[in-house]
Amino acid sequence: MKIIMLGAPGAGKGTQAKMIAEKYGIPHVSTGDIFRANIKNGTALGIEAKKYMDQGLLVPDELTVKILLDRVAQPDCADGYVLDGFPRTIPQAQVLDEALEELGDAIDYAINVEVPDENIVKRMSGRRACVSCGATYHVEHIPPREEGICDKCGKELILRDDDKPETVQNRLQVYHEQTQPLIDFYGAKGVLKTVDGTVDSKEVFAAIEAILG
């Protein structure tokens, strides 16, 4: 089962991807996680990717495609995977389709988690991340036990540059211009399924379970 998660930044698609991976026993492949690992380790790719991410811009296709295709070629992806954060553009989707076609394969579902922009700005500006272990919180929905301090390692929590309201607005603009066309792209292929992302995450997952069976 090969699944693509679609939706604006902050729509909750990452949370749903993890839940799908756990229930169906397939890897959750997040380009964000791959980039963050490279940034934390100070690799050349990470340094280059960070320049774009800090401005709320998309990482260029050539950087993203290479790392993603290497990842899904790993043995743990043999029975399927959930792609989170890729593809972000029509050219990326076309490259992915061509690569899968060469393997005699194809995407089974593109799940669109739909959330209005104003909800997303409120959600993301409330997020806090640990500077050390990367654990994430939300000032309203998942607050730490002590304000500004990570429950897991006791280090400082910060509002990441890419979660600041002005950066979120920029990311949403980029999303609408470059990524939203994927909804039509996968709709035309007959694999698009849309769920309401404004409800509780358990309700969103129940809707996804009904689709995947």
Protein backbone atom coordinates (compact mmCIF):
# COMPACT_ATOMS: atom_id res chain seq x y z
CA MET A 1 0.00 0.00 0.00
CA LYS A 2 1.70 3.17 -1.24
CA ILE A 3 0.13 6.33 0.14
CA ILE A 4 0.82 10.05 -0.37
CA MET A 5 -0.35 12.58 2.23
CA LEU A 6 -1.50 15.94 0.84
CA GLY A 7 -2.50 19.12 2.66
CA ALA A 8 -1.15 22.52 3.63
CA PRO A 9 1.73 22.87 6.12
CA GLY A 10 0.25 22.38 9.59
CA ALA A 11 -2.85 20.51 8.37
CA GLY A 12 -1.89 17.53 10.53
CA LYS A 13 -0.90 15.19 7.71
CA GLY A 14 2.29 14.18 9.54
CA THR A 15 0.32 13.01 12.58
CA GLN A 16 -2.02 11.02 10.35
CA ALA A 17 0.90 9.53 8.41
CA LYS A 18 2.42 8.22 11.67
CA MET A 19 -0.92 6.69 12.69
CA ILE A 20 -1.31 5.01 9.29
CA ALA A 21 2.26 3.66 9.45
CA GLU A 22 1.66 2.20 12.91
CA LYS A 23 -1.69 0.60 12.10
CA TYR A 24 -0.73 -0.85 8.71
CA GLY A 25 2.91 -1.72 9.49
CA ILE A 26 4.53 0.38 6.76
CA PRO A 27 7.26 3.06 7.08
CA HIS A 28 6.36 6.73 7.53
CA VAL A 29 8.69 8.50 5.11
CA SER A 30 8.84 12.21 5.97
CA THR A 31 11.04 14.48 3.89
CA GLY A 32 10.90 16.93 6.81
CA ASP A 33 12.44 14.32 9.13
CA ILE A 34 15.09 13.47 6.53
CA PHE A 35 15.97 17.15 6.08
CA ARG A 36 16.00 17.80 9.85
CA ALA A 37 18.34 14.83 10.40
CA ASN A 38 20.69 16.25 7.77
CA ILE A 39 20.48 19.74 9.31
CA LYS A 40 21.17 18.40 12.82
CA ASN A 41 24.17 16.42 11.54
CA GLY A 42 25.47 19.43 9.60
CA THR A 43 25.65 17.66 6.24
CA ALA A 44 26.10 19.63 3.02
CA LEU A 45 22.51 18.72 2.04
CA GLY A 46 21.23 19.84 5.44
CA ILE A 47 22.99 23.21 5.27
CA GLU A 48 21.59 23.84 1.79
CA ALA A 49 18.07 22.70 2.71
CA LYS A 50 18.05 24.90 5.84
CA LYS A 51 18.57 28.05 3.75
CA TYR A 52 15.23 27.41 2.02
CA MET A 53 13.30 26.06 5.03
CA ASP A 54 14.18 29.06 7.25
CA GLN A 55 12.61 31.36 4.65
CA GLY A 56 9.49 29.22 4.36
CA LEU A 57 10.45 28.21 0.82
CA LEU A 58 10.30 24.75 -0.70
CA VAL A 59 13.55 22.81 -1.00
CA PRO A 60 14.39 22.49 -4.74
CA ASP A 61 13.27 19.37 -6.58
CA GLU A 62 16.73 18.00 -7.33
CA LEU A 63 17.61 17.91 -3.60
CA THR A 64 14.30 16.39 -2.59
CA VAL A 65 13.87 13.79 -5.33
CA LYS A 66 17.30 12.23 -4.85
CA ILE A 67 16.98 11.68 -1.12
CA LEU A 68 13.38 10.41 -1.37
CA LEU A 69 13.98 7.83 -4.11
CA ASP A 70 16.96 6.44 -2.18
CA ARG A 71 14.75 6.10 0.89
CA VAL A 72 11.85 4.24 -0.75
CA ALA A 73 14.31 1.82 -2.38
CA GLN A 74 15.20 0.49 1.10
CA PRO A 75 13.99 -3.05 2.01
CA ASP A 76 11.56 -1.81 4.70
CA CYS A 77 9.51 -0.07 1.99
CA ALA A 78 8.95 -3.28 0.00
CA ASP A 79 5.34 -3.66 1.25
CA GLY A 80 4.48 0.03 0.95
CA TYR A 81 5.00 3.35 2.70
CA VAL A 82 3.35 6.63 3.61
CA LEU A 83 4.96 9.67 1.94
CA ASP A 84 4.69 12.84 4.00
CA GLY A 85 5.96 16.09 2.48
CA PHE A 86 6.60 14.67 -0.99
CA PRO A 87 5.69 15.27 -3.75
CA ARG A 88 5.15 19.03 -3.31
CA THR A 89 4.99 19.99 -6.99
CA ILE A 90 3.66 18.54 -10.25
CA PRO A 91 7.22 17.91 -11.60
CA GLN A 92 8.06 15.95 -8.43
CA ALA A 93 4.85 13.92 -8.78
CA GLN A 94 5.73 13.15 -12.39
CA VAL A 95 9.27 12.05 -11.45
CA LEU A 96 7.84 9.81 -8.73
CA ASP A 97 5.27 8.30 -11.11
CA GLU A 98 7.97 7.56 -13.68
CA ALA A 99 10.27 5.97 -11.09
CA LEU A 100 7.44 3.77 -9.77
CA GLU A 101 6.33 2.86 -13.29
CA GLU A 102 9.84 1.57 -14.03
CA LEU A 103 9.39 -0.73 -11.02
CA GLY A 104 5.93 -1.80 -12.26
CA ASP A 105 4.34 0.07 -9.39
CA ALA A 106 2.07 3.06 -8.68
CA ILE A 107 0.62 5.17 -5.86
CA ASP A 108 -2.55 3.60 -4.40
CA TYR A 109 -3.99 6.56 -2.47
CA ALA A 110 -3.38 10.32 -2.26
CA ILE A 111 -5.09 11.46 0.95
CA ASN A 112 -5.81 15.19 1.20
CA VAL A 113 -6.20 16.54 4.76
CA GLU A 114 -8.22 19.72 4.21
CA VAL A 115 -7.89 22.66 6.67
CA PRO A 116 -8.61 26.41 6.07
CA ASP A 117 -5.62 28.79 6.13
CA GLU A 118 -6.75 30.71 9.23
CA ASN A 119 -6.87 27.49 11.28
CA ILE A 120 -3.35 26.62 10.17
CA VAL A 121 -1.79 29.98 11.15
CA LYS A 122 -3.28 29.62 14.66
CA ARG A 123 -2.11 26.01 14.96
CA MET A 124 1.45 26.54 13.81
CA SER A 125 2.20 29.74 15.72
CA GLY A 126 1.35 27.80 18.90
CA ARG A 127 3.88 25.03 18.20
CA ARG A 128 7.07 24.76 20.23
CA ALA A 129 10.07 22.50 19.53
CA CYS A 130 12.87 21.29 21.80
CA VAL A 131 16.28 22.68 20.81
CA SER A 132 17.92 19.40 21.87
CA CYS A 133 15.78 16.29 21.25
CA GLY A 134 13.32 17.74 18.71
CA ALA A 135 10.17 16.87 20.71
CA THR A 136 7.21 19.07 19.73
CA TYR A 137 4.45 20.67 21.81
CA HIS A 138 1.59 23.14 21.38
CA VAL A 139 0.84 25.94 23.85
CA GLU A 140 -2.89 25.09 23.78
CA HIS A 141 -3.26 21.46 22.75
CA ILE A 142 -0.09 19.70 24.00
CA PRO A 143 1.55 22.04 26.53
CA PRO A 144 4.73 20.95 28.35
CA ARG A 145 4.45 20.36 32.10
CA GLU A 146 6.68 23.41 32.69
CA GLU A 147 6.30 26.37 30.32
CA GLY A 148 9.19 26.64 27.86
CA ILE A 149 10.87 23.42 29.06
CA CYS A 150 10.90 20.02 27.33
CA ASP A 151 9.24 17.18 29.33
CA LYS A 152 11.64 14.62 27.85
CA CYS A 153 15.09 16.20 28.28
CA GLY A 154 14.62 19.43 30.23
CA LYS A 155 16.02 21.69 27.50
CA GLU A 156 14.54 24.93 26.15
CA LEU A 157 11.50 24.99 23.85
CA ILE A 158 11.47 27.48 20.97
CA LEU A 159 9.12 28.80 18.29
CA ARG A 160 10.90 27.60 15.16
CA ASP A 161 11.51 30.15 12.41
CA ASP A 162 9.27 28.18 10.02
CA ASP A 163 6.36 28.28 12.55
CA LYS A 164 6.33 32.09 12.97
CA PRO A 165 3.08 33.65 11.62
CA GLU A 166 4.78 35.64 8.84
CA THR A 167 6.69 32.53 7.67
CA VAL A 168 3.53 30.41 7.86
CA GLN A 169 1.71 32.91 5.61
CA ASN A 170 4.59 32.68 3.14
CA ARG A 171 4.52 28.87 3.28
CA LEU A 172 0.76 28.85 2.67
CA GLN A 173 1.17 31.12 -0.35
CA VAL A 174 3.85 28.80 -1.76
CA TYR A 175 1.60 25.81 -1.02
CA HIS A 176 -1.38 27.27 -2.90
CA GLU A 177 0.78 28.16 -5.89
CA GLN A 178 2.92 25.03 -6.17
CA THR A 179 1.44 22.17 -4.16
CA GLN A 180 -2.35 22.53 -4.34
CA PRO A 181 -2.34 21.60 -8.08
CA LEU A 182 -1.40 18.08 -6.93
CA ILE A 183 -4.98 17.69 -5.73
CA ASP A 184 -6.19 17.96 -9.34
CA PHE A 185 -3.25 15.82 -10.54
CA TYR A 186 -4.14 12.86 -8.29
CA GLY A 187 -7.86 13.49 -8.72
CA ALA A 188 -7.44 12.93 -12.46
CA LYS A 189 -5.67 9.63 -11.71
CA GLY A 190 -8.61 8.49 -9.59
CA VAL A 191 -6.57 7.95 -6.39
CA LEU A 192 -7.46 11.17 -4.50
CA LYS A 193 -9.40 10.96 -1.22
CA THR A 194 -10.21 14.08 0.87
CA VAL A 195 -10.85 14.15 4.64
CA ASP A 196 -11.84 17.03 6.95
CA GLY A 197 -8.73 18.02 8.93
CA THR A 198 -10.48 20.52 11.23
CA VAL A 199 -11.91 17.81 13.51
CA ASP A 200 -10.08 15.88 16.27
CA SER A 201 -7.12 13.83 14.98
CA LYS A 202 -8.83 10.56 16.02
CA GLU A 203 -11.87 11.49 13.90
CA VAL A 204 -9.59 12.34 10.97
CA PHE A 205 -7.92 8.92 11.32
CA ALA A 206 -11.28 7.15 11.49
CA ALA A 207 -12.17 8.75 8.13
CA ILE A 208 -8.83 7.58 6.69
CA GLU A 209 -9.35 4.05 8.03
CA ALA A 210 -12.72 3.95 6.27
CA ILE A 211 -10.91 4.77 3.01
CA LEU A 212 -8.02 2.31 3.42
CA GLY A 213 -10.11 -0.51 4.89
